[in-house]
Amino acid sequence: MTLYVRLFNGDFGVRCARCGSAQNTLALVSVVKELMPDISRRRVHLVSMRGPYFNWLERHAGELWISQYFDNVESGSEVNGVRCEDLQRLTYQDETFDLVTNSEVLEHVPDDAKAFSEILRILKPGGLLVFTVPLAKKQAQTLERAVLSANGEIRLLAPAEYHGDPVRGRILAFRSYGTDIVDRIQEAGFVRARIESDFQAAVMSTWRSVVVAKKPFH
């Protein structure tokens, strides 16, 4: 039986007493274990460079590639041994990974349609995209909060919302996703996109909805 403790208020305040994982990590690990039981033979890309989810993937994935986005750094280059990648313009070859996964990232990408298309490109046929974002399940339509203009200026469409970030301290959310995130993903070419939920665990604050999608076979 897993023991949980509440360390502070908020979405990520409840943690596993043993490993310190928050609800997003617990949910992601549960879904990945179910959908990819042979992960020890799989090539995985994670958009993160630290944390319990990284630690779990490092122990279990056959091959783990990590990246992080750094401002004003060219994609494909490294900062202190960590590869910089912009999800809108990935430098990986086509059909490189079996699994692309991230947590609380895509709401911060200016053009998520480009990001979904790029992730589709680097996945192998049958590969999986598994991720979490802040998701309002009672909200059908995604709220676009900000846009990035061609000259690099940010224009707010709604009150600015910032989330904590290990690199920058805080980072702007470009949107608040609704349940139409499934449609947005499938428009990029994914199939069987869905939102995985666990009501009982969510009530206990030990679960965050996980979005899953598959790259079709040729």
Protein backbone atom coordinates (compact mmCIF):
# COMPACT_ATOMS: atom_id res chain seq x y z
CA MET A 1 0.00 0.00 0.00
CA THR A 2 1.36 3.40 -0.97
CA LEU A 3 1.49 6.07 1.73
CA TYR A 4 0.91 9.69 0.71
CA VAL A 5 1.68 12.89 2.59
CA ARG A 6 0.55 16.45 1.91
CA LEU A 7 3.55 18.74 1.98
CA PHE A 8 1.77 21.91 0.84
CA ASN A 9 -1.46 23.09 -0.76
CA GLY A 10 -1.93 22.98 -4.51
CA ASP A 11 -1.98 20.44 -7.32
CA PHE A 12 1.40 18.94 -6.48
CA GLY A 13 1.26 19.14 -2.69
CA VAL A 14 0.41 15.45 -2.16
CA ARG A 15 3.49 13.26 -2.56
CA CYS A 16 4.43 9.61 -2.30
CA ALA A 17 6.07 9.26 1.11
CA ARG A 18 8.64 6.80 -0.27
CA CYS A 19 9.88 8.45 -3.48
CA GLY A 20 8.52 12.00 -3.30
CA SER A 21 6.56 11.72 -6.56
CA ALA A 22 3.69 14.12 -7.17
CA GLN A 23 0.38 13.25 -8.86
CA ASN A 24 1.67 13.88 -12.38
CA THR A 25 4.58 11.46 -11.99
CA LEU A 26 2.43 8.80 -10.32
CA ALA A 27 -0.11 9.00 -13.13
CA LEU A 28 2.47 9.00 -15.92
CA VAL A 29 4.33 6.00 -14.53
CA SER A 30 1.07 4.09 -14.12
CA VAL A 31 0.00 4.74 -17.72
CA VAL A 32 3.42 4.06 -19.26
CA LYS A 33 3.75 0.77 -17.36
CA GLU A 34 0.36 -0.33 -18.64
CA LEU A 35 0.78 0.77 -22.27
CA MET A 36 4.46 -0.08 -22.72
CA PRO A 37 5.31 -3.07 -20.52
CA ASP A 38 8.41 -3.73 -22.64
CA ILE A 39 9.85 -0.27 -22.02
CA SER A 40 13.19 -1.88 -21.20
CA ARG A 41 13.55 -2.50 -24.95
CA ARG A 42 12.32 0.91 -26.04
CA ARG A 43 13.90 4.23 -26.99
CA VAL A 44 12.32 7.07 -25.01
CA HIS A 45 12.50 10.85 -25.25
CA LEU A 46 11.71 12.91 -22.14
CA VAL A 47 11.44 16.69 -22.05
CA SER A 48 13.01 17.09 -18.62
CA MET A 49 16.39 16.80 -16.98
CA ARG A 50 15.51 16.00 -13.37
CA GLY A 51 12.83 14.73 -11.01
CA PRO A 52 11.20 11.42 -10.00
CA TYR A 53 9.79 10.73 -13.48
CA PHE A 54 13.24 11.14 -15.01
CA ASN A 55 14.66 8.86 -12.32
CA TRP A 56 12.06 6.17 -13.04
CA LEU A 57 12.61 6.30 -16.81
CA GLU A 58 16.38 6.25 -16.34
CA ARG A 59 16.02 2.97 -14.41
CA HIS A 60 13.51 1.30 -16.74
CA ALA A 61 13.81 2.60 -20.30
CA GLY A 62 16.02 0.71 -22.71
CA GLU A 63 17.46 3.99 -23.98
CA LEU A 64 16.57 7.40 -22.55
CA TRP A 65 17.16 10.69 -24.34
CA ILE A 66 16.45 13.93 -22.50
CA SER A 67 16.19 17.52 -23.62
CA GLN A 68 15.30 20.89 -22.19
CA TYR A 69 14.45 24.17 -23.87
CA PHE A 70 16.84 27.01 -23.10
CA ASP A 71 16.21 30.56 -24.24
CA ASN A 72 18.56 31.85 -26.94
CA VAL A 73 20.26 28.48 -27.41
CA GLU A 74 20.27 26.70 -30.76
CA SER A 75 18.28 23.47 -30.91
CA GLY A 76 20.51 20.41 -30.97
CA SER A 77 23.30 22.06 -28.99
CA GLU A 78 24.10 21.33 -25.35
CA VAL A 79 24.09 23.37 -22.16
CA ASN A 80 26.05 21.75 -19.32
CA GLY A 81 25.61 18.36 -20.97
CA VAL A 82 21.84 18.76 -21.52
CA ARG A 83 20.57 18.89 -25.08
CA CYS A 84 18.51 21.93 -26.02
CA GLU A 85 15.43 21.19 -28.12
CA ASP A 86 12.53 23.38 -29.21
CA LEU A 87 9.44 21.17 -29.53
CA GLN A 88 8.32 23.30 -32.46
CA ARG A 89 11.57 22.60 -34.37
CA LEU A 90 13.08 19.33 -33.20
CA THR A 91 16.45 18.29 -34.61
CA TYR A 92 15.98 14.53 -34.23
CA GLN A 93 15.69 12.30 -37.28
CA ASP A 94 12.32 10.95 -38.39
CA GLU A 95 11.02 7.85 -36.58
CA THR A 96 13.62 7.89 -33.81
CA PHE A 97 11.61 7.14 -30.66
CA ASP A 98 9.08 4.60 -29.39
CA LEU A 99 7.81 6.96 -26.70
CA VAL A 100 7.83 10.74 -26.34
CA THR A 101 6.73 11.90 -22.92
CA ASN A 102 6.65 15.07 -20.87
CA SER A 103 4.85 16.67 -17.96
CA GLU A 104 3.45 20.20 -17.71
CA VAL A 105 5.29 21.39 -20.82
CA LEU A 106 2.99 21.80 -23.82
CA GLU A 107 0.91 24.61 -22.33
CA HIS A 108 4.08 26.71 -22.47
CA VAL A 109 4.84 26.09 -26.16
CA PRO A 110 3.73 29.04 -28.32
CA ASP A 111 2.57 26.87 -31.25
CA ASP A 112 1.41 23.52 -29.91
CA ALA A 113 0.17 22.42 -33.35
CA LYS A 114 3.77 22.56 -34.59
CA ALA A 115 4.91 20.70 -31.49
CA PHE A 116 2.41 17.89 -32.00
CA SER A 117 3.44 17.59 -35.66
CA GLU A 118 7.12 17.46 -34.75
CA ILE A 119 6.53 14.84 -32.08
CA LEU A 120 4.58 12.77 -34.59
CA ARG A 121 7.51 13.03 -37.00
CA ILE A 122 10.13 11.73 -34.56
CA LEU A 123 7.97 8.85 -33.31
CA LYS A 124 8.25 5.44 -34.89
CA PRO A 125 5.05 4.02 -36.42
CA GLY A 126 2.95 2.74 -33.53
CA GLY A 127 4.89 4.96 -31.11
CA LEU A 128 3.20 6.72 -28.21
CA LEU A 129 2.90 10.29 -26.98
CA VAL A 130 2.13 10.34 -23.24
CA PHE A 131 1.99 13.57 -21.27
CA THR A 132 0.25 15.72 -18.69
CA VAL A 133 -0.87 19.32 -18.83
CA PRO A 134 -3.15 21.35 -16.58
CA LEU A 135 -6.49 20.19 -17.94
CA ALA A 136 -9.93 21.56 -17.11
CA LYS A 137 -12.09 18.51 -17.76
CA LYS A 138 -15.28 20.56 -17.38
CA GLN A 139 -14.00 22.97 -20.03
CA ALA A 140 -14.62 21.75 -23.56
CA GLN A 141 -12.65 24.39 -25.44
CA THR A 142 -9.03 25.33 -24.91
CA LEU A 143 -8.54 28.93 -23.79
CA GLU A 144 -5.76 30.63 -25.72
CA ARG A 145 -4.09 32.94 -23.23
CA ALA A 146 -1.28 34.42 -25.33
CA VAL A 147 0.24 34.38 -28.81
CA LEU A 148 3.79 34.92 -30.02
CA SER A 149 4.04 37.30 -32.97
CA ALA A 150 6.43 36.93 -35.89
CA ASN A 151 8.72 39.59 -34.39
CA GLY A 152 8.96 37.68 -31.11
CA GLU A 153 6.57 39.83 -29.09
CA ILE A 154 4.04 38.18 -26.79
CA ARG A 155 0.46 39.44 -26.98
CA LEU A 156 -1.83 38.52 -24.11
CA LEU A 157 -5.37 37.36 -24.92
CA ALA A 158 -6.28 36.67 -21.28
CA PRO A 159 -4.79 37.57 -17.90
CA ALA A 160 -1.20 36.33 -17.73
CA GLU A 161 -0.78 32.97 -16.00
CA TYR A 162 2.65 31.79 -14.90
CA HIS A 163 3.75 28.37 -13.68
CA GLY A 164 6.85 27.41 -11.75
CA ASP A 165 9.87 26.44 -13.86
CA PRO A 166 13.17 24.84 -12.74
CA VAL A 167 15.20 26.75 -15.34
CA ARG A 168 13.61 30.22 -15.36
CA GLY A 169 11.80 30.36 -12.02
CA ARG A 170 8.48 30.94 -13.73
CA ILE A 171 7.14 30.55 -17.27
CA LEU A 172 4.12 31.92 -19.13
CA ALA A 173 1.25 29.58 -20.01
CA PHE A 174 0.14 30.22 -23.60
CA ARG A 175 -3.11 28.31 -23.09
CA SER A 176 -5.37 26.50 -20.65
CA TYR A 177 -6.36 23.20 -22.23
CA GLY A 178 -9.89 21.87 -22.37
CA THR A 179 -11.05 18.43 -23.41
CA ASP A 180 -10.67 19.44 -27.06
CA ILE A 181 -6.97 18.70 -26.61
CA VAL A 182 -7.82 15.27 -28.04
CA ASP A 183 -9.02 16.90 -31.27
CA ARG A 184 -5.94 19.14 -31.45
CA ILE A 185 -3.67 16.11 -31.24
CA GLN A 186 -5.58 14.11 -33.83
CA GLU A 187 -5.49 17.07 -36.23
CA ALA A 188 -1.70 16.64 -36.21
CA GLY A 189 -2.09 13.05 -37.45
CA PHE A 190 -2.22 11.02 -34.24
CA VAL A 191 -4.85 8.35 -33.71
CA ARG A 192 -6.61 6.96 -30.63
CA ALA A 193 -5.99 10.15 -28.66
CA ARG A 194 -7.67 10.06 -25.27
CA ILE A 195 -7.57 11.31 -21.71
CA GLU A 196 -6.76 8.66 -19.09
CA SER A 197 -8.40 9.37 -15.74
CA ASP A 198 -8.70 7.66 -12.37
CA PHE A 199 -11.56 9.22 -10.41
CA GLN A 200 -10.77 7.66 -7.04
CA ALA A 201 -7.10 8.60 -7.21
CA ALA A 202 -8.00 12.10 -8.42
CA VAL A 203 -10.21 12.61 -5.36
CA MET A 204 -7.20 11.71 -3.21
CA SER A 205 -5.06 14.17 -5.23
CA THR A 206 -2.75 11.31 -6.29
CA TRP A 207 -3.70 11.38 -9.96
CA ARG A 208 -3.46 13.89 -12.79
CA SER A 209 -5.20 13.20 -16.09
CA VAL A 210 -2.79 11.79 -18.66
CA VAL A 211 -3.15 12.44 -22.38
CA VAL A 212 -2.25 9.53 -24.65
CA ALA A 213 -2.02 9.32 -28.45
CA LYS A 214 -0.55 6.90 -30.97
CA LYS A 215 1.28 7.40 -34.25
CA PRO A 216 -0.46 5.31 -36.91
CA PHE A 217 1.37 2.57 -38.76
CA HIS A 218 2.12 3.29 -42.41
